[in-house]
Structure formats: C-alpha cells, structure tokens
Amino acid sequence: MIWFYEFEGEPKGPVSEDQLRNLLEAETITSETRLWKIGMPAWAPLSEAVPSLLTPPLFPNRVFLRPTSAFKLSPHD
C-alpha cells in the first residue's frame, strides 16, 4: 500500500508501510502524524489510518540467554 505523510506541514511520499514503520522507529513521524492514501476522503492520524504499525512485534529484539555456572537455578546445582 502506498502512503503519503505530512512532515513540517508539507506532504511527503509516496512511501510503503515498511517505510512508514522505519520512519516511526526513527521517530521521524509519530502516531499523530497525518497520513493519506488514494481512496481516503481526508488525511488521518497514523493511529487511525494504520493502527497495526503501533502494535509491537511479538518478540522485539529478544535475546535468549543460556544458563551458565554464573546463574544457579537452585542451591543444589
């Protein structure tokens, strides 16, 4: 899907949803940034236009640690 967003009072784009996600992560845009795509009657805040972009991934940057001797699971280990 192709989107346009408002930045400093000027329309920018076109951009994809992935590009919007990157702009959001970089804090270039926010949930209140106004977006528009073909078929929309008016510009709308990102939070209304694409709320799925504000849903965190299930496991963002998750690091799995393996227990080592430094981490005792019980006093009998």
C-alpha atoms as a PDB file:
ATOM      1  CA  MET A   1       0.000   0.000   0.000  1.00  0.00           C
ATOM      2  CA  ILE A   2       1.302   3.449  -0.908  1.00  0.00           C
ATOM      3  CA  TRP A   3       1.027   6.260   1.652  1.00  0.00           C
ATOM      4  CA  PHE A   4       1.760   9.952   1.910  1.00  0.00           C
ATOM      5  CA  TYR A   5       2.582  11.597   5.233  1.00  0.00           C
ATOM      6  CA  GLU A   6       2.740  15.160   6.471  1.00  0.00           C
ATOM      7  CA  PHE A   7       6.105  16.424   7.688  1.00  0.00           C
ATOM      8  CA  GLU A   8       6.617  20.007   8.849  1.00  0.00           C
ATOM      9  CA  GLY A   9       3.366  20.998   7.153  1.00  0.00           C
ATOM     10  CA  GLU A  10       4.323  19.518   3.772  1.00  0.00           C
ATOM     11  CA  PRO A  11       3.152  16.274   2.167  1.00  0.00           C
ATOM     12  CA  LYS A  12       5.894  13.657   1.704  1.00  0.00           C
ATOM     13  CA  GLY A  13       5.867  10.365  -0.145  1.00  0.00           C
ATOM     14  CA  PRO A  14       4.906   8.097  -1.625  1.00  0.00           C
ATOM     15  CA  VAL A  15       6.138   5.528   0.909  1.00  0.00           C
ATOM     16  CA  SER A  16       5.299   1.915   1.708  1.00  0.00           C
ATOM     17  CA  GLU A  17       4.049   0.643   5.075  1.00  0.00           C
ATOM     18  CA  ASP A  18       7.539  -0.729   5.742  1.00  0.00           C
ATOM     19  CA  GLN A  19       8.975   2.727   5.132  1.00  0.00           C
ATOM     20  CA  LEU A  20       6.355   4.209   7.474  1.00  0.00           C
ATOM     21  CA  ARG A  21       7.413   1.684  10.130  1.00  0.00           C
ATOM     22  CA  ASN A  22      11.050   2.735   9.690  1.00  0.00           C
ATOM     23  CA  LEU A  23      10.104   6.424   9.956  1.00  0.00           C
ATOM     24  CA  LEU A  24       8.128   5.665  13.110  1.00  0.00           C
ATOM     25  CA  GLU A  25      11.016   3.702  14.660  1.00  0.00           C
ATOM     26  CA  ALA A  26      13.392   6.564  13.798  1.00  0.00           C
ATOM     27  CA  GLU A  27      10.908   8.966  15.459  1.00  0.00           C
ATOM     28  CA  THR A  28      10.657  10.988  12.248  1.00  0.00           C
ATOM     29  CA  ILE A  29       6.889  10.525  12.443  1.00  0.00           C
ATOM     30  CA  THR A  30       4.581   9.784  15.374  1.00  0.00           C
ATOM     31  CA  SER A  31       1.181   8.251  15.988  1.00  0.00           C
ATOM     32  CA  GLU A  32      -0.283  11.727  15.402  1.00  0.00           C
ATOM     33  CA  THR A  33       1.394  12.269  12.012  1.00  0.00           C
ATOM     34  CA  ARG A  34      -1.285  12.707   9.377  1.00  0.00           C
ATOM     35  CA  LEU A  35      -1.386  10.123   6.570  1.00  0.00           C
ATOM     36  CA  TRP A  36      -3.290   9.804   3.332  1.00  0.00           C
ATOM     37  CA  LYS A  37      -3.625   7.218   0.561  1.00  0.00           C
ATOM     38  CA  ILE A  38      -5.735   7.026  -2.573  1.00  0.00           C
ATOM     39  CA  GLY A  39      -9.321   6.285  -1.620  1.00  0.00           C
ATOM     40  CA  MET A  40      -9.272   8.099   1.733  1.00  0.00           C
ATOM     41  CA  PRO A  41     -11.616  11.103   1.917  1.00  0.00           C
ATOM     42  CA  ALA A  42      -9.190  13.084   4.110  1.00  0.00           C
ATOM     43  CA  TRP A  43      -5.872  12.948   5.925  1.00  0.00           C
ATOM     44  CA  ALA A  44      -5.976  10.998   9.209  1.00  0.00           C
ATOM     45  CA  PRO A  45      -3.569  10.420  12.123  1.00  0.00           C
ATOM     46  CA  LEU A  46      -1.364   7.363  11.737  1.00  0.00           C
ATOM     47  CA  SER A  47      -3.019   5.908  14.856  1.00  0.00           C
ATOM     48  CA  GLU A  48      -6.325   5.784  12.947  1.00  0.00           C
ATOM     49  CA  ALA A  49      -5.072   5.181   9.397  1.00  0.00           C
ATOM     50  CA  VAL A  50      -2.669   2.297  10.136  1.00  0.00           C
ATOM     51  CA  PRO A  51      -3.073   1.248  13.798  1.00  0.00           C
ATOM     52  CA  SER A  52      -1.229  -2.013  13.086  1.00  0.00           C
ATOM     53  CA  LEU A  53       2.025  -0.032  12.860  1.00  0.00           C
ATOM     54  CA  LEU A  54       1.676   0.827  16.549  1.00  0.00           C
ATOM     55  CA  THR A  55       1.329  -2.797  17.644  1.00  0.00           C
ATOM     56  CA  PRO A  56       4.667  -4.033  18.947  1.00  0.00           C
ATOM     57  CA  PRO A  57       6.113  -7.185  17.411  1.00  0.00           C
ATOM     58  CA  LEU A  58       5.699 -10.341  19.479  1.00  0.00           C
ATOM     59  CA  PHE A  59       9.401 -10.666  20.261  1.00  0.00           C
ATOM     60  CA  PRO A  60      11.169  -7.367  19.539  1.00  0.00           C
ATOM     61  CA  ASN A  61      14.941  -7.747  19.713  1.00  0.00           C
ATOM     62  CA  ARG A  62      14.531 -10.709  22.021  1.00  0.00           C
ATOM     63  CA  VAL A  63      17.751 -12.191  23.298  1.00  0.00           C
ATOM     64  CA  PHE A  64      17.704 -15.758  24.534  1.00  0.00           C
ATOM     65  CA  LEU A  65      20.240 -16.446  27.251  1.00  0.00           C
ATOM     66  CA  ARG A  66      21.561 -19.836  28.155  1.00  0.00           C
ATOM     67  CA  PRO A  67      22.112 -20.534  31.867  1.00  0.00           C
ATOM     68  CA  THR A  68      25.770 -20.743  32.816  1.00  0.00           C
ATOM     69  CA  SER A  69      27.604 -21.528  36.001  1.00  0.00           C
ATOM     70  CA  ALA A  70      27.197 -17.856  36.948  1.00  0.00           C
ATOM     71  CA  PHE A  71      23.448 -18.413  37.113  1.00  0.00           C
ATOM     72  CA  LYS A  72      22.412 -21.073  39.595  1.00  0.00           C
ATOM     73  CA  LEU A  73      18.885 -22.314  39.100  1.00  0.00           C
ATOM     74  CA  SER A  74      18.711 -23.865  42.568  1.00  0.00           C
ATOM     75  CA  PRO A  75      21.067 -24.176  45.526  1.00  0.00           C
ATOM     76  CA  HIS A  76      21.605 -27.855  44.650  1.00  0.00           C
ATOM     77  CA  ASP A  77      23.015 -27.301  41.149  1.00  0.00           C
END
